[in-house]
N, C-alpha and C. Protein backbone atom coordinates (compact mmCIF):
# COMPACT_ATOMS: atom_id res chain seq x y z
N MET A 1 13.67 2.42 7.51
CA MET A 1 12.82 1.23 7.40
C MET A 1 11.35 1.62 7.51
N ILE A 2 10.54 1.02 6.67
CA ILE A 2 9.09 1.17 6.70
C ILE A 2 8.50 -0.14 7.22
N ILE A 3 7.46 -0.07 8.02
CA ILE A 3 6.76 -1.28 8.42
C ILE A 3 5.32 -1.22 7.95
N ASP A 4 4.76 -2.38 7.64
CA ASP A 4 3.30 -2.48 7.50
C ASP A 4 2.81 -3.41 8.59
N THR A 5 1.65 -3.09 9.15
CA THR A 5 1.18 -3.83 10.32
C THR A 5 -0.34 -3.84 10.41
N ILE A 6 -0.86 -4.90 11.02
CA ILE A 6 -2.28 -4.97 11.35
C ILE A 6 -2.50 -4.81 12.85
N SER A 7 -1.43 -4.57 13.59
CA SER A 7 -1.50 -4.48 15.05
C SER A 7 -2.05 -3.13 15.51
N PRO A 8 -2.67 -3.09 16.70
CA PRO A 8 -3.02 -1.80 17.29
C PRO A 8 -1.75 -0.99 17.55
N LEU A 9 -1.83 0.31 17.35
CA LEU A 9 -0.67 1.18 17.52
C LEU A 9 -0.70 1.86 18.88
N SER A 10 0.49 2.17 19.38
CA SER A 10 0.62 2.97 20.60
C SER A 10 1.74 3.97 20.39
N SER A 11 1.67 5.08 21.10
CA SER A 11 2.73 6.08 20.96
C SER A 11 4.06 5.52 21.43
N GLY A 12 4.04 4.66 22.46
CA GLY A 12 5.28 4.07 22.95
C GLY A 12 5.97 3.23 21.90
N ALA A 13 5.23 2.34 21.24
CA ALA A 13 5.81 1.48 20.21
C ALA A 13 6.31 2.31 19.04
N LEU A 14 5.55 3.32 18.65
CA LEU A 14 5.96 4.15 17.51
C LEU A 14 7.20 4.96 17.84
N ASN A 15 7.29 5.48 19.05
CA ASN A 15 8.49 6.23 19.43
C ASN A 15 9.72 5.33 19.48
N GLU A 16 9.55 4.09 19.95
CA GLU A 16 10.67 3.14 19.94
C GLU A 16 11.11 2.85 18.52
N PHE A 17 10.15 2.65 17.64
CA PHE A 17 10.45 2.38 16.23
C PHE A 17 11.20 3.55 15.61
N LYS A 18 10.74 4.76 15.88
CA LYS A 18 11.41 5.96 15.37
C LYS A 18 12.84 6.04 15.89
N SER A 19 13.04 5.77 17.18
CA SER A 19 14.38 5.84 17.78
C SER A 19 15.32 4.80 17.19
N ALA A 20 14.75 3.69 16.71
CA ALA A 20 15.56 2.62 16.12
C ALA A 20 15.82 2.85 14.63
N GLY A 21 15.41 4.00 14.12
CA GLY A 21 15.67 4.32 12.73
C GLY A 21 14.49 4.15 11.80
N GLY A 22 13.32 3.86 12.35
CA GLY A 22 12.13 3.72 11.52
C GLY A 22 11.70 5.04 10.91
N THR A 23 11.07 4.96 9.74
CA THR A 23 10.66 6.18 9.05
C THR A 23 9.19 6.22 8.66
N GLY A 24 8.53 5.07 8.58
CA GLY A 24 7.14 5.09 8.15
C GLY A 24 6.36 3.86 8.56
N VAL A 25 5.03 4.02 8.61
CA VAL A 25 4.12 2.94 9.00
C VAL A 25 2.97 2.89 7.99
N ILE A 26 2.73 1.70 7.46
CA ILE A 26 1.64 1.48 6.50
C ILE A 26 0.54 0.67 7.17
N LYS A 27 -0.70 1.15 7.03
CA LYS A 27 -1.88 0.38 7.45
C LYS A 27 -2.90 0.39 6.32
N TYR A 28 -4.07 -0.17 6.59
CA TYR A 28 -4.97 -0.58 5.52
C TYR A 28 -6.26 0.24 5.42
N TYR A 29 -6.70 0.43 4.18
CA TYR A 29 -8.06 0.85 3.88
C TYR A 29 -8.79 -0.43 3.47
N CYS A 30 -9.76 -0.88 4.25
CA CYS A 30 -10.46 -2.13 3.93
C CYS A 30 -11.91 -2.02 4.37
N PRO A 31 -12.85 -2.17 3.44
CA PRO A 31 -14.26 -2.04 3.79
C PRO A 31 -14.71 -3.05 4.84
N ASN A 32 -14.19 -4.27 4.74
CA ASN A 32 -14.58 -5.33 5.67
C ASN A 32 -13.34 -6.05 6.16
N THR A 33 -13.24 -6.24 7.47
CA THR A 33 -12.11 -6.98 8.02
C THR A 33 -12.51 -7.59 9.36
N ALA A 34 -12.02 -8.79 9.60
CA ALA A 34 -12.25 -9.43 10.90
C ALA A 34 -11.27 -8.94 11.95
N ILE A 35 -10.33 -8.10 11.53
CA ILE A 35 -9.30 -7.57 12.44
C ILE A 35 -9.43 -6.05 12.45
N PRO A 36 -10.21 -5.47 13.35
CA PRO A 36 -10.44 -4.02 13.33
C PRO A 36 -9.16 -3.19 13.36
N SER A 37 -8.12 -3.67 14.06
CA SER A 37 -6.88 -2.89 14.16
C SER A 37 -6.12 -2.83 12.84
N LYS A 38 -6.51 -3.66 11.87
CA LYS A 38 -5.87 -3.62 10.55
C LYS A 38 -6.15 -2.30 9.84
N ARG A 39 -7.36 -1.78 10.04
CA ARG A 39 -7.81 -0.59 9.30
C ARG A 39 -7.18 0.68 9.86
N LEU A 40 -6.61 1.49 8.98
CA LEU A 40 -6.05 2.78 9.38
C LEU A 40 -7.18 3.71 9.80
N THR A 41 -7.03 4.35 10.95
CA THR A 41 -7.99 5.34 11.41
C THR A 41 -7.31 6.71 11.45
N ARG A 42 -8.12 7.74 11.60
CA ARG A 42 -7.57 9.09 11.77
C ARG A 42 -6.68 9.15 13.00
N SER A 43 -7.09 8.50 14.09
CA SER A 43 -6.28 8.49 15.31
C SER A 43 -4.94 7.80 15.08
N ASP A 44 -4.95 6.68 14.32
CA ASP A 44 -3.69 6.02 13.97
C ASP A 44 -2.77 6.98 13.24
N ALA A 45 -3.32 7.65 12.23
CA ALA A 45 -2.51 8.56 11.43
C ALA A 45 -1.93 9.68 12.29
N GLU A 46 -2.72 10.19 13.22
CA GLU A 46 -2.24 11.24 14.11
C GLU A 46 -1.11 10.74 15.01
N LEU A 47 -1.24 9.50 15.52
CA LEU A 47 -0.18 8.92 16.35
C LEU A 47 1.11 8.75 15.56
N ILE A 48 0.98 8.24 14.34
CA ILE A 48 2.16 8.01 13.50
C ILE A 48 2.89 9.32 13.22
N ILE A 49 2.14 10.33 12.84
CA ILE A 49 2.73 11.63 12.52
C ILE A 49 3.33 12.28 13.76
N ALA A 50 2.66 12.15 14.91
CA ALA A 50 3.18 12.73 16.15
C ALA A 50 4.51 12.10 16.55
N ALA A 51 4.75 10.87 16.14
CA ALA A 51 6.02 10.20 16.43
C ALA A 51 7.11 10.57 15.43
N GLY A 52 6.79 11.45 14.49
CA GLY A 52 7.78 11.87 13.50
C GLY A 52 7.94 10.89 12.35
N LEU A 53 6.90 10.08 12.12
CA LEU A 53 6.94 9.07 11.07
C LEU A 53 5.98 9.43 9.94
N THR A 54 6.17 8.78 8.81
CA THR A 54 5.32 8.97 7.64
C THR A 54 4.26 7.88 7.58
N VAL A 55 3.06 8.26 7.14
CA VAL A 55 1.94 7.32 7.04
C VAL A 55 1.84 6.79 5.61
N GLY A 56 1.54 5.50 5.49
CA GLY A 56 1.24 4.91 4.20
C GLY A 56 -0.09 4.20 4.24
N ALA A 57 -0.78 4.15 3.09
CA ALA A 57 -2.11 3.54 3.02
C ALA A 57 -2.16 2.53 1.88
N VAL A 58 -2.75 1.36 2.18
CA VAL A 58 -2.93 0.33 1.15
C VAL A 58 -4.36 -0.21 1.25
N TYR A 59 -5.03 -0.27 0.11
CA TYR A 59 -6.38 -0.82 0.04
C TYR A 59 -6.29 -2.31 -0.23
N GLU A 60 -7.02 -3.11 0.57
CA GLU A 60 -7.02 -4.55 0.36
C GLU A 60 -8.36 -5.13 0.75
N VAL A 61 -8.93 -5.94 -0.14
CA VAL A 61 -10.20 -6.61 0.18
C VAL A 61 -10.15 -8.11 -0.01
N GLY A 62 -9.25 -8.62 -0.81
CA GLY A 62 -9.21 -10.05 -1.07
C GLY A 62 -7.95 -10.45 -1.79
N ALA A 63 -7.81 -11.75 -2.00
CA ALA A 63 -6.60 -12.26 -2.64
C ALA A 63 -6.95 -13.41 -3.57
N ALA A 64 -7.95 -13.16 -4.44
CA ALA A 64 -8.39 -14.19 -5.37
C ALA A 64 -8.70 -13.56 -6.72
N TYR A 65 -8.68 -14.37 -7.77
CA TYR A 65 -8.97 -13.88 -9.12
C TYR A 65 -10.28 -13.12 -9.18
N ALA A 66 -11.30 -13.62 -8.44
CA ALA A 66 -12.63 -13.03 -8.53
C ALA A 66 -12.72 -11.64 -7.92
N ASP A 67 -11.68 -11.20 -7.23
CA ASP A 67 -11.71 -9.89 -6.57
C ASP A 67 -11.29 -8.75 -7.49
N PHE A 68 -11.02 -9.05 -8.77
CA PHE A 68 -10.47 -8.02 -9.66
C PHE A 68 -11.20 -8.00 -11.00
N SER A 69 -11.70 -6.81 -11.34
CA SER A 69 -12.36 -6.54 -12.61
C SER A 69 -12.50 -5.03 -12.72
N SER A 70 -12.94 -4.55 -13.87
CA SER A 70 -13.14 -3.11 -14.02
C SER A 70 -14.19 -2.60 -13.04
N ASP A 71 -15.30 -3.31 -12.90
CA ASP A 71 -16.36 -2.87 -11.98
C ASP A 71 -15.86 -2.84 -10.54
N LEU A 72 -15.11 -3.86 -10.15
CA LEU A 72 -14.59 -3.89 -8.78
C LEU A 72 -13.51 -2.83 -8.58
N GLY A 73 -12.80 -2.49 -9.64
CA GLY A 73 -11.85 -1.39 -9.55
C GLY A 73 -12.54 -0.06 -9.30
N SER A 74 -13.69 0.13 -9.94
CA SER A 74 -14.47 1.35 -9.68
C SER A 74 -14.93 1.40 -8.23
N GLN A 75 -15.39 0.26 -7.71
CA GLN A 75 -15.80 0.22 -6.31
C GLN A 75 -14.63 0.50 -5.38
N ALA A 76 -13.48 -0.09 -5.69
CA ALA A 76 -12.29 0.13 -4.86
C ALA A 76 -11.87 1.59 -4.89
N GLY A 77 -11.86 2.18 -6.08
CA GLY A 77 -11.47 3.57 -6.20
C GLY A 77 -12.40 4.51 -5.46
N GLU A 78 -13.70 4.26 -5.57
CA GLU A 78 -14.67 5.11 -4.90
C GLU A 78 -14.55 5.01 -3.38
N TYR A 79 -14.39 3.78 -2.89
CA TYR A 79 -14.23 3.60 -1.44
C TYR A 79 -12.95 4.28 -0.95
N ALA A 80 -11.84 4.02 -1.65
CA ALA A 80 -10.55 4.57 -1.21
C ALA A 80 -10.56 6.09 -1.24
N LEU A 81 -11.16 6.67 -2.28
CA LEU A 81 -11.21 8.13 -2.38
C LEU A 81 -12.02 8.72 -1.24
N GLU A 82 -13.17 8.15 -0.96
CA GLU A 82 -14.01 8.68 0.12
C GLU A 82 -13.35 8.48 1.48
N TYR A 83 -12.79 7.30 1.71
CA TYR A 83 -12.17 7.02 3.01
C TYR A 83 -10.96 7.92 3.24
N ALA A 84 -10.12 8.05 2.22
CA ALA A 84 -8.92 8.86 2.34
C ALA A 84 -9.25 10.33 2.61
N SER A 85 -10.24 10.85 1.89
CA SER A 85 -10.52 12.28 1.96
C SER A 85 -11.42 12.68 3.12
N THR A 86 -12.37 11.80 3.50
CA THR A 86 -13.35 12.21 4.51
C THR A 86 -13.14 11.58 5.88
N VAL A 87 -12.42 10.46 5.95
CA VAL A 87 -12.17 9.80 7.23
C VAL A 87 -10.75 10.07 7.73
N ILE A 88 -9.78 9.95 6.85
CA ILE A 88 -8.38 10.13 7.24
C ILE A 88 -7.91 11.56 7.09
N GLY A 89 -8.34 12.23 6.03
CA GLY A 89 -7.74 13.53 5.70
C GLY A 89 -6.40 13.35 5.03
N GLN A 90 -6.28 12.30 4.21
CA GLN A 90 -5.04 12.06 3.48
C GLN A 90 -4.85 13.17 2.46
N PRO A 91 -3.70 13.83 2.46
CA PRO A 91 -3.49 14.95 1.54
C PRO A 91 -3.42 14.50 0.09
N GLN A 92 -4.01 15.30 -0.78
CA GLN A 92 -3.94 15.00 -2.21
C GLN A 92 -2.49 15.00 -2.67
N GLY A 93 -2.20 14.15 -3.64
CA GLY A 93 -0.85 14.03 -4.17
C GLY A 93 -0.04 12.93 -3.53
N SER A 94 -0.48 12.43 -2.36
CA SER A 94 0.15 11.26 -1.76
C SER A 94 -0.45 10.01 -2.40
N ALA A 95 0.02 8.84 -2.00
CA ALA A 95 -0.35 7.61 -2.70
C ALA A 95 -1.30 6.73 -1.89
N ILE A 96 -2.16 6.04 -2.62
CA ILE A 96 -2.91 4.91 -2.09
C ILE A 96 -2.48 3.68 -2.88
N TYR A 97 -1.99 2.68 -2.18
CA TYR A 97 -1.63 1.42 -2.82
C TYR A 97 -2.84 0.49 -2.84
N PHE A 98 -2.87 -0.39 -3.83
CA PHE A 98 -3.92 -1.40 -3.96
C PHE A 98 -3.23 -2.75 -4.09
N ALA A 99 -3.65 -3.71 -3.25
CA ALA A 99 -2.92 -4.96 -3.11
C ALA A 99 -3.42 -6.05 -4.06
N ILE A 100 -2.47 -6.72 -4.72
CA ILE A 100 -2.71 -7.95 -5.47
C ILE A 100 -1.93 -9.03 -4.73
N ASP A 101 -2.56 -9.61 -3.73
CA ASP A 101 -1.84 -10.44 -2.76
C ASP A 101 -1.92 -11.93 -3.09
N TYR A 102 -1.55 -12.26 -4.32
CA TYR A 102 -1.43 -13.65 -4.75
C TYR A 102 -0.49 -13.66 -5.95
N ASP A 103 -0.12 -14.83 -6.42
CA ASP A 103 0.84 -14.91 -7.52
C ASP A 103 0.13 -14.85 -8.86
N GLU A 104 -0.08 -13.65 -9.37
CA GLU A 104 -0.70 -13.44 -10.68
C GLU A 104 0.27 -13.86 -11.77
N THR A 105 -0.17 -14.76 -12.65
CA THR A 105 0.78 -15.34 -13.61
C THR A 105 0.35 -15.29 -15.06
N GLY A 106 -0.94 -15.06 -15.35
CA GLY A 106 -1.36 -15.28 -16.73
C GLY A 106 -2.23 -14.23 -17.34
N ALA A 107 -3.13 -14.70 -18.24
CA ALA A 107 -3.97 -13.81 -19.02
C ALA A 107 -4.90 -12.97 -18.15
N HIS A 108 -5.21 -13.46 -16.96
CA HIS A 108 -6.08 -12.72 -16.03
C HIS A 108 -5.51 -11.35 -15.70
N LEU A 109 -4.20 -11.20 -15.78
CA LEU A 109 -3.57 -9.90 -15.53
C LEU A 109 -4.07 -8.87 -16.53
N GLN A 110 -4.13 -9.25 -17.81
CA GLN A 110 -4.60 -8.33 -18.84
C GLN A 110 -6.11 -8.20 -18.86
N SER A 111 -6.82 -9.29 -18.59
CA SER A 111 -8.28 -9.26 -18.71
C SER A 111 -8.97 -8.65 -17.50
N ASN A 112 -8.35 -8.75 -16.32
CA ASN A 112 -9.01 -8.31 -15.09
C ASN A 112 -8.22 -7.31 -14.25
N VAL A 113 -6.94 -7.59 -14.03
CA VAL A 113 -6.16 -6.74 -13.13
C VAL A 113 -5.88 -5.38 -13.77
N ALA A 114 -5.45 -5.36 -15.02
CA ALA A 114 -5.19 -4.07 -15.68
C ALA A 114 -6.47 -3.22 -15.76
N PRO A 115 -7.62 -3.77 -16.16
CA PRO A 115 -8.85 -2.97 -16.13
C PRO A 115 -9.24 -2.50 -14.72
N TYR A 116 -8.94 -3.31 -13.72
CA TYR A 116 -9.17 -2.91 -12.33
C TYR A 116 -8.40 -1.63 -12.02
N PHE A 117 -7.14 -1.58 -12.42
CA PHE A 117 -6.34 -0.39 -12.14
C PHE A 117 -6.71 0.78 -13.05
N GLN A 118 -7.14 0.50 -14.27
CA GLN A 118 -7.60 1.58 -15.14
C GLN A 118 -8.81 2.27 -14.53
N ALA A 119 -9.72 1.48 -13.96
CA ALA A 119 -10.90 2.05 -13.32
C ALA A 119 -10.52 2.87 -12.09
N ILE A 120 -9.57 2.37 -11.31
CA ILE A 120 -9.09 3.11 -10.15
C ILE A 120 -8.48 4.44 -10.58
N LYS A 121 -7.66 4.39 -11.63
CA LYS A 121 -7.01 5.62 -12.11
C LYS A 121 -8.04 6.65 -12.56
N THR A 122 -9.09 6.19 -13.21
CA THR A 122 -10.13 7.10 -13.68
C THR A 122 -10.78 7.84 -12.51
N ILE A 123 -10.95 7.15 -11.39
CA ILE A 123 -11.65 7.74 -10.24
C ILE A 123 -10.73 8.57 -9.35
N ILE A 124 -9.55 8.07 -9.03
CA ILE A 124 -8.73 8.78 -8.04
C ILE A 124 -7.49 9.45 -8.62
N GLY A 125 -7.23 9.23 -9.92
CA GLY A 125 -5.99 9.75 -10.50
C GLY A 125 -5.84 11.25 -10.43
N GLY A 126 -6.94 11.98 -10.35
CA GLY A 126 -6.86 13.43 -10.24
C GLY A 126 -6.62 13.91 -8.82
N TYR A 127 -6.62 12.99 -7.86
CA TYR A 127 -6.49 13.34 -6.45
C TYR A 127 -5.27 12.71 -5.79
N TYR A 128 -5.06 11.43 -6.06
CA TYR A 128 -3.99 10.68 -5.39
C TYR A 128 -3.14 9.93 -6.40
N LYS A 129 -1.88 9.73 -6.04
CA LYS A 129 -1.03 8.82 -6.79
C LYS A 129 -1.50 7.40 -6.52
N ILE A 130 -1.21 6.50 -7.44
CA ILE A 130 -1.67 5.12 -7.33
C ILE A 130 -0.47 4.20 -7.22
N GLY A 131 -0.50 3.33 -6.22
CA GLY A 131 0.53 2.31 -6.06
C GLY A 131 -0.08 0.93 -6.14
N CYS A 132 0.76 -0.06 -6.37
CA CYS A 132 0.32 -1.45 -6.34
C CYS A 132 1.28 -2.26 -5.50
N TYR A 133 0.73 -3.15 -4.69
CA TYR A 133 1.49 -4.17 -3.98
C TYR A 133 1.27 -5.48 -4.72
N GLY A 134 2.36 -6.12 -5.14
CA GLY A 134 2.17 -7.37 -5.86
C GLY A 134 3.49 -8.00 -6.27
N ASN A 135 3.38 -8.99 -7.16
CA ASN A 135 4.59 -9.65 -7.63
C ASN A 135 5.27 -8.85 -8.75
N GLY A 136 6.42 -9.31 -9.18
CA GLY A 136 7.18 -8.57 -10.17
C GLY A 136 6.48 -8.42 -11.50
N LEU A 137 5.80 -9.48 -11.95
CA LEU A 137 5.10 -9.41 -13.23
C LEU A 137 4.00 -8.36 -13.20
N VAL A 138 3.21 -8.34 -12.15
CA VAL A 138 2.14 -7.35 -12.02
C VAL A 138 2.70 -5.94 -12.02
N LEU A 139 3.72 -5.70 -11.23
CA LEU A 139 4.26 -4.35 -11.10
C LEU A 139 4.88 -3.87 -12.40
N GLN A 140 5.63 -4.73 -13.06
CA GLN A 140 6.24 -4.34 -14.33
C GLN A 140 5.17 -4.01 -15.37
N THR A 141 4.14 -4.85 -15.44
CA THR A 141 3.08 -4.65 -16.43
C THR A 141 2.33 -3.35 -16.18
N LEU A 142 1.98 -3.08 -14.93
CA LEU A 142 1.22 -1.87 -14.62
C LEU A 142 2.04 -0.61 -14.76
N LEU A 143 3.32 -0.66 -14.39
CA LEU A 143 4.20 0.49 -14.62
C LEU A 143 4.34 0.78 -16.11
N ASP A 144 4.58 -0.27 -16.89
CA ASP A 144 4.77 -0.09 -18.33
C ASP A 144 3.52 0.48 -18.99
N ALA A 145 2.35 0.15 -18.44
CA ALA A 145 1.08 0.64 -18.99
C ALA A 145 0.71 2.02 -18.48
N GLY A 146 1.50 2.58 -17.56
CA GLY A 146 1.21 3.89 -17.00
C GLY A 146 0.02 3.90 -16.06
N LEU A 147 -0.30 2.74 -15.48
CA LEU A 147 -1.47 2.65 -14.60
C LEU A 147 -1.14 2.87 -13.13
N ILE A 148 0.12 2.81 -12.76
CA ILE A 148 0.52 3.06 -11.38
C ILE A 148 1.72 4.00 -11.34
N ASP A 149 1.86 4.66 -10.20
CA ASP A 149 3.00 5.55 -9.98
C ASP A 149 4.05 4.92 -9.09
N TYR A 150 3.61 4.01 -8.20
CA TYR A 150 4.52 3.41 -7.23
C TYR A 150 4.35 1.89 -7.22
N ALA A 151 5.47 1.19 -7.05
CA ALA A 151 5.51 -0.27 -7.07
C ALA A 151 6.04 -0.79 -5.74
N TRP A 152 5.22 -1.60 -5.07
CA TRP A 152 5.59 -2.21 -3.78
C TRP A 152 5.70 -3.71 -4.00
N LEU A 153 6.91 -4.20 -3.98
CA LEU A 153 7.19 -5.60 -4.31
C LEU A 153 6.99 -6.49 -3.09
N SER A 154 6.17 -7.52 -3.23
CA SER A 154 5.88 -8.41 -2.11
C SER A 154 7.10 -9.23 -1.73
N GLU A 155 7.06 -9.77 -0.51
CA GLU A 155 8.19 -10.52 0.01
C GLU A 155 8.33 -11.91 -0.60
N SER A 156 7.35 -12.36 -1.35
CA SER A 156 7.34 -13.74 -1.87
C SER A 156 8.28 -13.86 -3.06
N SER A 157 9.52 -14.19 -2.80
CA SER A 157 10.55 -14.17 -3.84
C SER A 157 10.32 -15.20 -4.93
N ALA A 158 9.53 -16.24 -4.66
CA ALA A 158 9.25 -17.26 -5.67
C ALA A 158 8.10 -16.88 -6.59
N PHE A 159 7.43 -15.77 -6.33
CA PHE A 159 6.32 -15.35 -7.18
C PHE A 159 6.84 -14.92 -8.56
N THR A 160 5.95 -14.92 -9.52
CA THR A 160 6.29 -14.68 -10.92
C THR A 160 6.92 -13.30 -11.13
N GLY A 161 8.11 -13.29 -11.69
CA GLY A 161 8.78 -12.05 -12.06
C GLY A 161 9.39 -11.28 -10.91
N THR A 162 9.28 -11.78 -9.69
CA THR A 162 9.70 -10.99 -8.54
C THR A 162 11.22 -10.81 -8.47
N LYS A 163 11.97 -11.86 -8.69
CA LYS A 163 13.43 -11.74 -8.63
C LYS A 163 13.95 -10.78 -9.69
N ASP A 164 13.42 -10.88 -10.90
CA ASP A 164 13.87 -9.99 -11.98
C ASP A 164 13.47 -8.55 -11.70
N PHE A 165 12.27 -8.33 -11.17
CA PHE A 165 11.84 -6.97 -10.90
C PHE A 165 12.65 -6.37 -9.76
N LEU A 166 12.98 -7.18 -8.77
CA LEU A 166 13.84 -6.70 -7.69
C LEU A 166 15.19 -6.25 -8.25
N ALA A 167 15.75 -7.05 -9.14
CA ALA A 167 17.05 -6.71 -9.73
C ALA A 167 16.98 -5.47 -10.62
N SER A 168 15.80 -5.19 -11.17
CA SER A 168 15.66 -4.04 -12.07
C SER A 168 15.77 -2.71 -11.35
N GLY A 169 15.48 -2.69 -10.05
CA GLY A 169 15.53 -1.45 -9.29
C GLY A 169 14.36 -0.51 -9.53
N ARG A 170 13.31 -0.98 -10.20
CA ARG A 170 12.17 -0.12 -10.51
C ARG A 170 11.18 -0.01 -9.35
N TRP A 171 11.38 -0.78 -8.32
CA TRP A 171 10.45 -0.79 -7.18
C TRP A 171 10.68 0.41 -6.27
N HIS A 172 9.63 0.81 -5.57
CA HIS A 172 9.70 1.91 -4.61
C HIS A 172 9.74 1.40 -3.17
N LEU A 173 9.08 0.26 -2.93
CA LEU A 173 9.14 -0.43 -1.65
C LEU A 173 9.36 -1.92 -1.92
N HIS A 174 10.15 -2.55 -1.05
CA HIS A 174 10.35 -4.00 -1.13
C HIS A 174 10.10 -4.60 0.24
N GLN A 175 9.07 -5.41 0.33
CA GLN A 175 8.74 -6.08 1.59
C GLN A 175 9.72 -7.23 1.80
N SER A 176 10.25 -7.34 3.03
CA SER A 176 11.32 -8.31 3.22
C SER A 176 11.02 -9.40 4.23
N VAL A 177 10.57 -9.08 5.43
CA VAL A 177 10.43 -10.14 6.43
C VAL A 177 9.35 -9.78 7.43
N SER A 178 8.64 -10.79 7.91
CA SER A 178 7.63 -10.61 8.96
C SER A 178 8.24 -10.97 10.31
N LYS A 179 8.02 -10.12 11.30
CA LYS A 179 8.56 -10.41 12.63
C LYS A 179 7.90 -9.51 13.66
N PRO A 180 7.94 -9.90 14.93
CA PRO A 180 7.47 -9.00 15.99
C PRO A 180 8.51 -7.90 16.22
N LEU A 181 8.02 -6.69 16.42
CA LEU A 181 8.93 -5.55 16.60
C LEU A 181 8.25 -4.54 17.50
N PHE A 182 8.86 -4.26 18.67
CA PHE A 182 8.34 -3.27 19.60
C PHE A 182 6.88 -3.56 19.98
N GLY A 183 6.56 -4.85 20.12
CA GLY A 183 5.22 -5.23 20.51
C GLY A 183 4.22 -5.27 19.37
N LEU A 184 4.66 -5.01 18.16
CA LEU A 184 3.80 -5.05 16.99
C LEU A 184 4.17 -6.24 16.12
N VAL A 185 3.21 -6.79 15.41
CA VAL A 185 3.49 -7.79 14.38
C VAL A 185 3.59 -7.05 13.06
N VAL A 186 4.75 -7.09 12.43
CA VAL A 186 5.00 -6.24 11.28
C VAL A 186 5.68 -7.01 10.15
N ASP A 187 5.57 -6.44 8.95
CA ASP A 187 6.46 -6.76 7.84
C ASP A 187 7.39 -5.56 7.70
N THR A 188 8.66 -5.81 7.48
CA THR A 188 9.60 -4.72 7.25
C THR A 188 9.76 -4.49 5.75
N ASN A 189 10.05 -3.25 5.39
CA ASN A 189 10.15 -2.86 3.98
C ASN A 189 11.32 -1.93 3.77
N THR A 190 11.97 -2.09 2.64
CA THR A 190 13.07 -1.23 2.23
C THR A 190 12.56 -0.24 1.19
N VAL A 191 13.00 1.01 1.28
CA VAL A 191 12.65 2.03 0.30
C VAL A 191 13.63 1.95 -0.86
N GLY A 192 13.12 2.11 -2.07
CA GLY A 192 13.94 2.02 -3.27
C GLY A 192 14.90 3.18 -3.44
N ASN A 193 15.65 3.12 -4.52
CA ASN A 193 16.71 4.10 -4.76
C ASN A 193 16.19 5.53 -4.90
N SER A 194 14.95 5.69 -5.35
CA SER A 194 14.41 7.04 -5.53
C SER A 194 14.17 7.73 -4.20
N GLY A 195 13.99 6.94 -3.14
CA GLY A 195 13.73 7.51 -1.82
C GLY A 195 12.30 7.97 -1.61
N ILE A 196 11.45 7.82 -2.62
CA ILE A 196 10.06 8.25 -2.49
C ILE A 196 9.14 7.04 -2.64
N TRP A 197 8.01 7.09 -1.93
CA TRP A 197 7.06 5.98 -2.02
C TRP A 197 5.62 6.41 -1.81
N GLY A 198 5.39 7.71 -1.66
CA GLY A 198 4.02 8.21 -1.63
C GLY A 198 3.39 8.34 -0.26
N GLY A 199 4.17 8.20 0.80
CA GLY A 199 3.63 8.38 2.14
C GLY A 199 3.32 9.84 2.44
N PHE A 200 2.66 10.08 3.58
CA PHE A 200 2.31 11.46 3.94
C PHE A 200 2.59 11.70 5.41
N SER A 201 2.96 12.94 5.73
CA SER A 201 3.36 13.29 7.10
C SER A 201 2.57 14.47 7.65
N ALA A 202 1.44 14.77 7.02
CA ALA A 202 0.52 15.79 7.51
C ALA A 202 -0.88 15.36 7.11
N LEU A 203 -1.89 15.90 7.79
CA LEU A 203 -3.27 15.55 7.51
C LEU A 203 -4.06 16.79 7.11
N SER A 204 -5.00 16.60 6.21
CA SER A 204 -5.90 17.67 5.82
C SER A 204 -7.11 17.68 6.75
N PRO A 205 -7.77 18.82 6.90
CA PRO A 205 -8.99 18.86 7.72
C PRO A 205 -10.06 17.96 7.12
N ILE A 206 -10.91 17.40 7.98
CA ILE A 206 -12.02 16.57 7.49
C ILE A 206 -13.35 17.12 8.01
């Protein structure tokens, strides 16, 4: 089981999670947040790895149509690349996910979201794999276009294309339920049939 969380981490909670069969923890790359513990730090990554778990990273800044365009994709890619390489020491070849945290349904996907990911790929594609968190329609479209390597399906089963994409088995992570666990507020996630999702279990020097 993989969890994503905005909670502060402790070695005790992580060791309990590991003992219960946990395998990975995802936290956020976010330029601005009202919840400081949401942002992944180097210390967080060290704690996760010391507990024998894999680290995952997802970039998130907003959940509205206006948050996505080619120019904003360039900004996202530049921030994520710098943060991953100089603050975290995320090893090259692992994945950074980028969140589309709303129900994308229409032409905006082609006019704004796809160019957003094309810009990200241009900037970080030579260093990191690219993942997307979103609904089924978004993930299918971006995979088919070769703009992402990993697909993280949101828990919102009523979102566009999500049920069909879940049934397709093309996803790498599937978010399932939010609940308190070992003192953390988490979403739980299932790993897809491939068994890979782009996490990392070692850090590069910074």
